[in-house]
Amino acid sequence: MTLPLNVELLHQDYQAAAAFASAILLVRIALATLALKAWGARHEEHV
């Protein structure tokens, strides 16, 4: 099961705290991906 599907399932089962925690984890993964992408783009400019 993917993380977005897990968030939806928890939300539908009225487990708001668990759904929120899973959503926060998903946001952190997205932000880390964006930060690494930006760092990689800057690193390529200097090479």
Protein backbone atom coordinates (compact mmCIF):
# COMPACT_ATOMS: atom_id res chain seq x y z
CA MET A 1 0.00 0.00 0.00
CA THR A 2 1.33 3.42 -0.90
CA LEU A 3 1.53 6.26 1.60
CA PRO A 4 -1.15 8.43 -0.08
CA LEU A 5 -3.55 5.47 -0.07
CA ASN A 6 -2.73 4.85 3.59
CA VAL A 7 -3.58 8.47 4.43
CA GLU A 8 -6.91 8.17 2.61
CA LEU A 9 -7.76 4.87 4.31
CA LEU A 10 -6.94 6.22 7.77
CA HIS A 11 -9.00 9.34 7.08
CA GLN A 12 -11.99 7.27 5.96
CA ASP A 13 -11.70 5.15 9.13
CA TYR A 14 -11.89 8.32 11.28
CA GLN A 15 -8.33 7.88 12.53
CA ALA A 16 -7.45 11.55 12.17
CA ALA A 17 -4.25 11.51 14.24
CA ALA A 18 -2.75 8.63 12.27
CA ALA A 19 -3.85 10.17 8.96
CA PHE A 20 -2.29 13.50 9.93
CA ALA A 21 0.97 11.83 10.97
CA SER A 22 1.15 9.94 7.68
CA ALA A 23 0.40 13.11 5.72
CA ILE A 24 3.17 14.97 7.57
CA LEU A 25 5.59 12.17 6.67
CA LEU A 26 4.54 12.49 3.03
CA VAL A 27 5.12 16.27 3.14
CA ARG A 28 8.59 15.78 4.65
CA ILE A 29 9.52 13.35 1.89
CA ALA A 30 8.32 15.86 -0.73
CA LEU A 31 10.28 18.72 0.85
CA ALA A 32 13.43 16.61 1.09
CA THR A 33 13.07 15.68 -2.58
CA LEU A 34 12.71 19.33 -3.57
CA ALA A 35 15.71 20.33 -1.46
CA LEU A 36 17.88 17.62 -3.02
CA LYS A 37 16.73 18.62 -6.50
CA ALA A 38 17.61 22.28 -5.84
CA TRP A 39 20.98 21.29 -4.38
CA GLY A 40 21.70 19.11 -7.40
CA ALA A 41 20.82 21.93 -9.80
CA ARG A 42 23.18 24.33 -8.00
CA HIS A 43 25.90 21.72 -7.87
CA GLU A 44 25.68 21.17 -11.65
CA GLU A 45 26.05 24.92 -12.31
CA HIS A 46 29.40 25.02 -10.49
CA VAL A 47 30.85 21.97 -12.24
